[in-house]
C-alpha atoms as a PDB file:
ATOM      1  CA  UNK A   1      -2.942  16.839  10.968  1.00  0.00           C
ATOM      2  CA  UNK A   2      -5.890  14.890  10.646  1.00  0.00           C
ATOM      3  CA  UNK A   3      -6.555  15.570   6.482  1.00  0.00           C
ATOM      4  CA  UNK A   4      -8.731  12.311   6.476  1.00  0.00           C
ATOM      5  CA  UNK A   5     -11.649  14.994   8.490  1.00  0.00           C
ATOM      6  CA  UNK A   6     -11.115  17.183   5.228  1.00  0.00           C
ATOM      7  CA  UNK A   7     -13.756  15.916   2.854  1.00  0.00           C
ATOM      8  CA  UNK A   8     -13.578  14.033  -0.212  1.00  0.00           C
ATOM      9  CA  UNK A   9     -11.235  17.425  -2.164  1.00  0.00           C
ATOM     10  CA  UNK A  10      -7.942  17.617  -3.393  1.00  0.00           C
ATOM     11  CA  UNK A  11      -5.220  15.782  -0.749  1.00  0.00           C
ATOM     12  CA  UNK A  12      -2.698  18.293  -1.078  1.00  0.00           C
ATOM     13  CA  UNK A  13       1.018  18.401   1.147  1.00  0.00           C
ATOM     14  CA  UNK A  14       4.258  20.111  -0.051  1.00  0.00           C
ATOM     15  CA  UNK A  15       4.702  17.953  -3.259  1.00  0.00           C
ATOM     16  CA  UNK A  16       1.416  16.074  -4.070  1.00  0.00           C
ATOM     17  CA  UNK A  17      -1.892  15.835  -4.565  1.00  0.00           C
ATOM     18  CA  UNK A  18      -4.490  13.078  -4.926  1.00  0.00           C
ATOM     19  CA  UNK A  19      -7.647  13.614  -6.160  1.00  0.00           C
ATOM     20  CA  UNK A  20     -10.713  11.631  -5.187  1.00  0.00           C
ATOM     21  CA  UNK A  21     -13.346  12.522  -7.656  1.00  0.00           C
ATOM     22  CA  UNK A  22     -10.698  10.643  -9.533  1.00  0.00           C
ATOM     23  CA  UNK A  23     -12.702   7.434  -8.768  1.00  0.00           C
ATOM     24  CA  UNK A  24     -15.561   8.999  -9.962  1.00  0.00           C
ATOM     25  CA  UNK A  25     -17.577   9.959 -12.830  1.00  0.00           C
ATOM     26  CA  UNK A  26     -19.753  13.276 -12.820  1.00  0.00           C
ATOM     27  CA  UNK A  27     -23.266  11.404 -13.144  1.00  0.00           C
ATOM     28  CA  UNK A  28     -26.032  13.255 -13.665  1.00  0.00           C
ATOM     29  CA  UNK A  29     -25.551  15.982 -12.130  1.00  0.00           C
ATOM     30  CA  UNK A  30     -29.080  15.260 -10.384  1.00  0.00           C
ATOM     31  CA  UNK A  31     -30.182  12.258  -9.480  1.00  0.00           C
ATOM     32  CA  UNK A  32     -26.987  10.294  -9.511  1.00  0.00           C
ATOM     33  CA  UNK A  33     -24.146  13.192  -9.182  1.00  0.00           C
ATOM     34  CA  UNK A  34     -21.118  10.896  -8.211  1.00  0.00           C
ATOM     35  CA  UNK A  35     -21.012   7.492 -10.072  1.00  0.00           C
ATOM     36  CA  UNK A  36     -18.136   5.287  -9.031  1.00  0.00           C
ATOM     37  CA  UNK A  37     -15.845   3.808 -11.824  1.00  0.00           C
ATOM     38  CA  UNK A  38     -16.444   0.479 -10.398  1.00  0.00           C
ATOM     39  CA  UNK A  39     -13.778  -0.900 -13.368  1.00  0.00           C
ATOM     40  CA  UNK A  40     -10.850   1.457 -12.121  1.00  0.00           C
ATOM     41  CA  UNK A  41     -11.367   0.555  -8.645  1.00  0.00           C
ATOM     42  CA  UNK A  42     -11.365  -3.144  -9.635  1.00  0.00           C
ATOM     43  CA  UNK A  43      -7.995  -2.194 -11.514  1.00  0.00           C
ATOM     44  CA  UNK A  44      -6.576  -0.887  -8.011  1.00  0.00           C
ATOM     45  CA  UNK A  45      -6.083  -4.298  -6.808  1.00  0.00           C
ATOM     46  CA  UNK A  46      -3.810  -5.571  -9.048  1.00  0.00           C
ATOM     47  CA  UNK A  47      -1.530  -2.116  -9.053  1.00  0.00           C
ATOM     48  CA  UNK A  48      -2.082   1.825  -9.005  1.00  0.00           C
ATOM     49  CA  UNK A  49      -2.854   3.900 -12.363  1.00  0.00           C
ATOM     50  CA  UNK A  50      -0.521   5.421 -14.795  1.00  0.00           C
ATOM     51  CA  UNK A  51       1.367   8.210 -13.427  1.00  0.00           C
ATOM     52  CA  UNK A  52       0.610   7.441  -9.529  1.00  0.00           C
ATOM     53  CA  UNK A  53       1.768   5.246  -6.640  1.00  0.00           C
ATOM     54  CA  UNK A  54       0.400   2.863  -4.503  1.00  0.00           C
ATOM     55  CA  UNK A  55       1.083   5.230  -1.389  1.00  0.00           C
ATOM     56  CA  UNK A  56      -1.064   8.057  -3.461  1.00  0.00           C
ATOM     57  CA  UNK A  57      -3.792   5.249  -4.489  1.00  0.00           C
ATOM     58  CA  UNK A  58      -3.782   4.254  -0.365  1.00  0.00           C
ATOM     59  CA  UNK A  59      -4.015   8.114   0.373  1.00  0.00           C
ATOM     60  CA  UNK A  60      -6.951   8.265  -1.350  1.00  0.00           C
ATOM     61  CA  UNK A  61      -8.907   5.179  -0.412  1.00  0.00           C
ATOM     62  CA  UNK A  62      -8.012   6.262   3.177  1.00  0.00           C
ATOM     63  CA  UNK A  63      -9.730   9.437   2.663  1.00  0.00           C
ATOM     64  CA  UNK A  64     -13.167   8.156   0.948  1.00  0.00           C
ATOM     65  CA  UNK A  65     -13.758   5.446   3.321  1.00  0.00           C
ATOM     66  CA  UNK A  66     -13.412   7.538   6.400  1.00  0.00           C
ATOM     67  CA  UNK A  67     -14.979  10.605   5.420  1.00  0.00           C
ATOM     68  CA  UNK A  68     -17.997   8.727   3.396  1.00  0.00           C
ATOM     69  CA  UNK A  69     -18.582   6.235   7.126  1.00  0.00           C
ATOM     70  CA  UNK A  70     -18.358   9.444   8.862  1.00  0.00           C
ATOM     71  CA  UNK A  71     -20.703  11.378   6.857  1.00  0.00           C
ATOM     72  CA  UNK A  72     -23.438   7.970   7.428  1.00  0.00           C
ATOM     73  CA  UNK A  73     -22.572   8.226  11.134  1.00  0.00           C
ATOM     74  CA  UNK A  74     -23.428  11.726  11.213  1.00  0.00           C
ATOM     75  CA  UNK A  75     -25.401  14.024   8.996  1.00  0.00           C
ATOM     76  CA  UNK A  76     -25.068  12.334   6.301  1.00  0.00           C
ATOM     77  CA  UNK A  77     -24.335  14.932   3.667  1.00  0.00           C
ATOM     78  CA  UNK A  78     -22.210  14.281   0.519  1.00  0.00           C
ATOM     79  CA  UNK A  79     -21.776  10.552   0.995  1.00  0.00           C
ATOM     80  CA  UNK A  80     -20.239   8.866  -2.935  1.00  0.00           C
ATOM     81  CA  UNK A  81     -20.240   5.454  -1.687  1.00  0.00           C
ATOM     82  CA  UNK A  82     -23.597   3.124  -1.410  1.00  0.00           C
ATOM     83  CA  UNK A  83     -23.833  -0.277   0.063  1.00  0.00           C
ATOM     84  CA  UNK A  84     -23.399  -2.132  -3.148  1.00  0.00           C
ATOM     85  CA  UNK A  85     -20.099  -0.036  -4.089  1.00  0.00           C
ATOM     86  CA  UNK A  86     -18.768   0.207  -0.795  1.00  0.00           C
ATOM     87  CA  UNK A  87     -17.226  -3.498  -0.541  1.00  0.00           C
ATOM     88  CA  UNK A  88     -15.575  -3.166  -3.959  1.00  0.00           C
ATOM     89  CA  UNK A  89     -13.916  -0.319  -2.574  1.00  0.00           C
ATOM     90  CA  UNK A  90     -12.804  -2.327   0.808  1.00  0.00           C
ATOM     91  CA  UNK A  91     -11.457  -4.989  -1.437  1.00  0.00           C
ATOM     92  CA  UNK A  92      -9.388  -2.807  -3.095  1.00  0.00           C
ATOM     93  CA  UNK A  93      -8.415  -0.839   0.563  1.00  0.00           C
ATOM     94  CA  UNK A  94      -6.816  -3.798   1.513  1.00  0.00           C
ATOM     95  CA  UNK A  95      -5.032  -5.020  -1.459  1.00  0.00           C
ATOM     96  CA  UNK A  96      -3.189  -1.537  -2.344  1.00  0.00           C
ATOM     97  CA  UNK A  97      -2.302  -1.380   1.585  1.00  0.00           C
ATOM     98  CA  UNK A  98      -0.676  -5.232   1.429  1.00  0.00           C
ATOM     99  CA  UNK A  99       1.038  -4.216  -1.681  1.00  0.00           C
ATOM    100  CA  UNK A 100       2.712  -1.476   0.517  1.00  0.00           C
ATOM    101  CA  UNK A 101       3.216  -4.154   3.467  1.00  0.00           C
ATOM    102  CA  UNK A 102       0.881  -2.578   6.060  1.00  0.00           C
ATOM    103  CA  UNK A 103      -1.403  -4.048   7.650  1.00  0.00           C
ATOM    104  CA  UNK A 104      -4.984  -2.829   6.315  1.00  0.00           C
ATOM    105  CA  UNK A 105      -7.564  -2.331   8.774  1.00  0.00           C
ATOM    106  CA  UNK A 106     -10.195  -4.741  10.280  1.00  0.00           C
ATOM    107  CA  UNK A 107     -13.734  -4.052   9.520  1.00  0.00           C
ATOM    108  CA  UNK A 108     -16.761  -5.056  12.002  1.00  0.00           C
ATOM    109  CA  UNK A 109     -18.834  -4.142   9.137  1.00  0.00           C
ATOM    110  CA  UNK A 110     -19.344  -4.356   5.389  1.00  0.00           C
ATOM    111  CA  UNK A 111     -21.985  -1.545   4.375  1.00  0.00           C
ATOM    112  CA  UNK A 112     -23.943   0.965   5.648  1.00  0.00           C
ATOM    113  CA  UNK A 113     -27.009  -0.028   6.328  1.00  0.00           C
ATOM    114  CA  UNK A 114     -28.669  -4.149   6.252  1.00  0.00           C
ATOM    115  CA  UNK A 115     -27.380  -6.823   8.764  1.00  0.00           C
ATOM    116  CA  UNK A 116     -23.948  -6.522   8.027  1.00  0.00           C
ATOM    117  CA  UNK A 117     -23.796  -2.225   8.269  1.00  0.00           C
ATOM    118  CA  UNK A 118     -22.633   0.127  10.279  1.00  0.00           C
ATOM    119  CA  UNK A 119     -25.854   1.505  10.739  1.00  0.00           C
ATOM    120  CA  UNK A 120     -26.609  -2.206  12.475  1.00  0.00           C
ATOM    121  CA  UNK A 121     -23.274  -2.171  14.741  1.00  0.00           C
ATOM    122  CA  UNK A 122     -23.442   1.065  15.994  1.00  0.00           C
ATOM    123  CA  UNK A 123     -27.128   0.135  17.367  1.00  0.00           C
ATOM    124  CA  UNK A 124     -25.625  -3.289  18.800  1.00  0.00           C
ATOM    125  CA  UNK A 125     -22.619  -1.052  20.306  1.00  0.00           C
ATOM    126  CA  UNK A 126     -24.673   1.231  22.061  1.00  0.00           C
ATOM    127  CA  UNK A 127     -23.387   4.492  19.866  1.00  0.00           C
ATOM    128  CA  UNK A 128     -27.590   5.329  18.995  1.00  0.00           C
ATOM    129  CA  UNK A 129     -27.415   8.705  20.739  1.00  0.00           C
ATOM    130  CA  UNK A 130     -23.795   9.927  20.131  1.00  0.00           C
ATOM    131  CA  UNK A 131     -22.164  10.820  16.615  1.00  0.00           C
ATOM    132  CA  UNK A 132     -18.900  11.563  18.515  1.00  0.00           C
ATOM    133  CA  UNK A 133     -19.194   8.232  19.020  1.00  0.00           C
ATOM    134  CA  UNK A 134     -19.695   6.925  15.435  1.00  0.00           C
ATOM    135  CA  UNK A 135     -16.723   9.431  14.686  1.00  0.00           C
ATOM    136  CA  UNK A 136     -14.339   7.759  17.251  1.00  0.00           C
ATOM    137  CA  UNK A 137     -15.637   4.484  16.053  1.00  0.00           C
ATOM    138  CA  UNK A 138     -14.439   5.175  12.198  1.00  0.00           C
ATOM    139  CA  UNK A 139     -11.095   6.950  14.067  1.00  0.00           C
ATOM    140  CA  UNK A 140     -10.469   3.484  15.685  1.00  0.00           C
ATOM    141  CA  UNK A 141     -10.730   1.759  12.422  1.00  0.00           C
ATOM    142  CA  UNK A 142      -9.027   3.628   9.656  1.00  0.00           C
ATOM    143  CA  UNK A 143      -6.631   6.207  12.317  1.00  0.00           C
ATOM    144  CA  UNK A 144      -3.942   3.677  12.696  1.00  0.00           C
ATOM    145  CA  UNK A 145      -3.728   3.106   8.690  1.00  0.00           C
ATOM    146  CA  UNK A 146      -3.594   6.872   8.298  1.00  0.00           C
ATOM    147  CA  UNK A 147      -0.755   7.086  10.734  1.00  0.00           C
ATOM    148  CA  UNK A 148       0.886   4.800   8.701  1.00  0.00           C
ATOM    149  CA  UNK A 149       0.971   5.974   5.309  1.00  0.00           C
ATOM    150  CA  UNK A 150       1.858   9.622   6.402  1.00  0.00           C
ATOM    151  CA  UNK A 151       5.036   8.108   8.534  1.00  0.00           C
ATOM    152  CA  UNK A 152       5.466   6.503   4.512  1.00  0.00           C
ATOM    153  CA  UNK A 153       4.717  10.350   3.487  1.00  0.00           C
ATOM    154  CA  UNK A 154       7.363  11.823   4.904  1.00  0.00           C
ATOM    155  CA  UNK A 155       9.513   9.565   3.696  1.00  0.00           C
ATOM    156  CA  UNK A 156       9.141   9.798   0.241  1.00  0.00           C
ATOM    157  CA  UNK A 157       9.341  12.930   0.882  1.00  0.00           C
ATOM    158  CA  UNK A 158      12.589  13.070   2.299  1.00  0.00           C
ATOM    159  CA  UNK A 159      13.640  10.635  -0.604  1.00  0.00           C
ATOM    160  CA  UNK A 160      12.247  12.718  -3.337  1.00  0.00           C
ATOM    161  CA  UNK A 161      14.324  15.662  -2.018  1.00  0.00           C
ATOM    162  CA  UNK A 162      17.686  15.062  -0.218  1.00  0.00           C
ATOM    163  CA  UNK A 163      20.378  16.188  -1.167  1.00  0.00           C
ATOM    164  CA  UNK A 164      21.951  13.909  -3.119  1.00  0.00           C
ATOM    165  CA  UNK A 165      23.494  12.642  -6.327  1.00  0.00           C
ATOM    166  CA  UNK A 166      20.823  11.538  -8.471  1.00  0.00           C
ATOM    167  CA  UNK A 167      20.380   8.027  -9.391  1.00  0.00           C
ATOM    168  CA  UNK A 168      18.558   4.856  -9.184  1.00  0.00           C
ATOM    169  CA  UNK A 169      19.027   1.927  -6.561  1.00  0.00           C
ATOM    170  CA  UNK A 170      20.580  -0.318  -8.532  1.00  0.00           C
ATOM    171  CA  UNK A 171      23.368  -2.828  -6.526  1.00  0.00           C
ATOM    172  CA  UNK A 172      22.326  -4.703  -4.014  1.00  0.00           C
ATOM    173  CA  UNK A 173      23.937  -8.428  -4.646  1.00  0.00           C
ATOM    174  CA  UNK A 174      23.352 -11.023  -2.089  1.00  0.00           C
ATOM    175  CA  UNK A 175      23.187 -14.529  -0.960  1.00  0.00           C
ATOM    176  CA  UNK A 176      26.584 -15.866  -2.986  1.00  0.00           C
ATOM    177  CA  UNK A 177      26.158 -19.457  -2.890  1.00  0.00           C
ATOM    178  CA  UNK A 178      29.821 -20.610  -3.782  1.00  0.00           C
ATOM    179  CA  UNK A 179      32.274 -18.468  -5.743  1.00  0.00           C
ATOM    180  CA  UNK A 180      31.842 -15.154  -4.503  1.00  0.00           C
ATOM    181  CA  UNK A 181      31.300 -12.661  -6.921  1.00  0.00           C
ATOM    182  CA  UNK A 182      33.744 -10.380  -8.401  1.00  0.00           C
ATOM    183  CA  UNK A 183      32.059  -6.905  -8.742  1.00  0.00           C
ATOM    184  CA  UNK A 184      34.268  -3.560 -10.408  1.00  0.00           C
ATOM    185  CA  UNK A 185      32.992   0.146  -9.472  1.00  0.00           C
ATOM    186  CA  UNK A 186      32.497   1.692 -13.072  1.00  0.00           C
ATOM    187  CA  UNK A 187      30.920   4.851 -11.608  1.00  0.00           C
ATOM    188  CA  UNK A 188      31.520   6.088  -8.400  1.00  0.00           C
ATOM    189  CA  UNK A 189      29.328   9.145  -8.701  1.00  0.00           C
ATOM    190  CA  UNK A 190      26.522   7.172  -9.912  1.00  0.00           C
ATOM    191  CA  UNK A 191      27.449   4.278  -7.842  1.00  0.00           C
ATOM    192  CA  UNK A 192      27.027   2.006 -11.287  1.00  0.00           C
ATOM    193  CA  UNK A 193      28.659  -1.424 -10.131  1.00  0.00           C
ATOM    194  CA  UNK A 194      29.256  -4.612 -12.794  1.00  0.00           C
ATOM    195  CA  UNK A 195      29.793  -8.083 -11.527  1.00  0.00           C
ATOM    196  CA  UNK A 196      32.631  -9.535 -13.770  1.00  0.00           C
ATOM    197  CA  UNK A 197      33.063 -13.073 -12.518  1.00  0.00           C
ATOM    198  CA  UNK A 198      30.253 -15.454 -10.791  1.00  0.00           C
ATOM    199  CA  UNK A 199      27.313 -13.464 -11.380  1.00  0.00           C
ATOM    200  CA  UNK A 200      25.671 -16.767 -11.461  1.00  0.00           C
ATOM    201  CA  UNK A 201      25.999 -17.949  -7.649  1.00  0.00           C
ATOM    202  CA  UNK A 202      24.471 -14.454  -6.456  1.00  0.00           C
ATOM    203  CA  UNK A 203      20.597 -12.836  -6.419  1.00  0.00           C
ATOM    204  CA  UNK A 204      21.206  -9.305  -7.763  1.00  0.00           C
ATOM    205  CA  UNK A 205      18.164  -7.047  -6.369  1.00  0.00           C
ATOM    206  CA  UNK A 206      17.474  -4.317  -9.040  1.00  0.00           C
ATOM    207  CA  UNK A 207      13.252  -3.542  -8.494  1.00  0.00           C
ATOM    208  CA  UNK A 208      13.075   0.365  -7.307  1.00  0.00           C
ATOM    209  CA  UNK A 209      13.296   0.472  -3.644  1.00  0.00           C
ATOM    210  CA  UNK A 210       9.838   1.091  -1.817  1.00  0.00           C
ATOM    211  CA  UNK A 211      10.255   4.393   0.335  1.00  0.00           C
ATOM    212  CA  UNK A 212       9.847   2.995   3.676  1.00  0.00           C
ATOM    213  CA  UNK A 213      12.355   0.274   2.633  1.00  0.00           C
ATOM    214  CA  UNK A 214      12.498  -3.963   1.337  1.00  0.00           C
ATOM    215  CA  UNK A 215      11.121  -5.900   3.947  1.00  0.00           C
ATOM    216  CA  UNK A 216      11.284  -9.994   3.908  1.00  0.00           C
ATOM    217  CA  UNK A 217       7.717 -10.234   2.207  1.00  0.00           C
ATOM    218  CA  UNK A 218       8.636  -7.873  -0.488  1.00  0.00           C
ATOM    219  CA  UNK A 219      11.543 -10.072  -0.888  1.00  0.00           C
ATOM    220  CA  UNK A 220       9.671 -13.408  -1.500  1.00  0.00           C
ATOM    221  CA  UNK A 221       7.380 -12.122  -3.589  1.00  0.00           C
ATOM    222  CA  UNK A 222      10.204 -10.420  -5.654  1.00  0.00           C
ATOM    223  CA  UNK A 223      12.191 -14.200  -5.796  1.00  0.00           C
ATOM    224  CA  UNK A 224       8.326 -15.721  -6.886  1.00  0.00           C
ATOM    225  CA  UNK A 225       8.309 -12.908  -9.857  1.00  0.00           C
ATOM    226  CA  UNK A 226      11.468 -13.830 -11.246  1.00  0.00           C
ATOM    227  CA  UNK A 227      12.448 -16.900 -10.329  1.00  0.00           C
ATOM    228  CA  UNK A 228      11.114 -20.075 -10.461  1.00  0.00           C
ATOM    229  CA  UNK A 229       8.344 -20.645  -7.800  1.00  0.00           C
ATOM    230  CA  UNK A 230       9.441 -21.960  -5.034  1.00  0.00           C
ATOM    231  CA  UNK A 231       6.904 -24.514  -2.756  1.00  0.00           C
ATOM    232  CA  UNK A 232       4.405 -22.299  -0.821  1.00  0.00           C
ATOM    233  CA  UNK A 233       5.103 -24.318   2.728  1.00  0.00           C
ATOM    234  CA  UNK A 234       8.911 -23.426   2.737  1.00  0.00           C
ATOM    235  CA  UNK A 235       8.473 -19.762   0.685  1.00  0.00           C
ATOM    236  CA  UNK A 236       6.219 -19.167   3.653  1.00  0.00           C
ATOM    237  CA  UNK A 237       8.210 -20.601   6.349  1.00  0.00           C
ATOM    238  CA  UNK A 238      11.977 -20.348   5.376  1.00  0.00           C
ATOM    239  CA  UNK A 239      13.988 -17.294   5.266  1.00  0.00           C
ATOM    240  CA  UNK A 240      16.908 -17.984   2.566  1.00  0.00           C
ATOM    241  CA  UNK A 241      18.001 -18.132  -1.091  1.00  0.00           C
ATOM    242  CA  UNK A 242      16.943 -20.398  -3.902  1.00  0.00           C
ATOM    243  CA  UNK A 243      19.560 -22.722  -5.451  1.00  0.00           C
ATOM    244  CA  UNK A 244      17.419 -24.479  -8.536  1.00  0.00           C
ATOM    245  CA  UNK A 245      13.858 -24.726  -7.633  1.00  0.00           C
ATOM    246  CA  UNK A 246      14.523 -25.203  -3.486  1.00  0.00           C
ATOM    247  CA  UNK A 247      14.550 -23.211  -0.977  1.00  0.00           C
ATOM    248  CA  UNK A 248      18.215 -24.001   1.093  1.00  0.00           C
ATOM    249  CA  UNK A 249      19.965 -22.123   4.247  1.00  0.00           C
ATOM    250  CA  UNK A 250      21.078 -18.449   3.706  1.00  0.00           C
ATOM    251  CA  UNK A 251      23.882 -16.573   4.968  1.00  0.00           C
ATOM    252  CA  UNK A 252      21.608 -12.922   5.143  1.00  0.00           C
ATOM    253  CA  UNK A 253      19.687 -12.944   8.102  1.00  0.00           C
ATOM    254  CA  UNK A 254      15.854 -12.006   7.694  1.00  0.00           C
ATOM    255  CA  UNK A 255      16.202  -9.239   9.925  1.00  0.00           C
ATOM    256  CA  UNK A 256      17.954  -7.353   7.512  1.00  0.00           C
ATOM    257  CA  UNK A 257      15.923  -6.866   4.797  1.00  0.00           C
ATOM    258  CA  UNK A 258      12.875  -5.797   7.792  1.00  0.00           C
ATOM    259  CA  UNK A 259      15.088  -3.197   8.845  1.00  0.00           C
END
């Protein structure tokens, strides 16, 4: 389903909706019917708004960028962004995708017009006489992102509505260094466990599990946030646990986190 081509309205698919208009104020209704909320867009680089997820935001920003660049490359109708604010949206889009552990698109241009604009790019690449070529260009840039977000959304849908006991992800206990932790099951229905001995020899991940699974990058980010920060060079290159302030060899494989 090519939802990106439906225009910048409300995206609905069964259980949720994302309003692209939430990124704008109504303006004066005449000369400036759409005014981008720059403060809101800048804040998206650091986290989603209350009540929304990064997946919600990523979908909306992808739709907005796709719609506006296609509009600029074809009939020009319905475009909301301009050369001044579209780079801000691209930066926010990149940050949100990276939090989802997705590869951001590579943009060969950064604005609509000017030396680094889409217009210059299509003229330099033999697209001057073809709206289709310009649409295809934007699809090549944003299509993989759209597909990845749709996959994540399907996983999130299944997670929310699949049958099973209610509860939260709470018992990823790993990387014991020394005596193994002694664990007891307090509640079999909700999978509540408790470490009764040697809790100081292991790591316990208690953050919400992302809808697409837990990646190595997210584990490193979790460790950096909640424990003593490792040295950058070793944190980037070495899988392992941290004892004190140094990364050491590890009994849990990196591939297990990425699967």
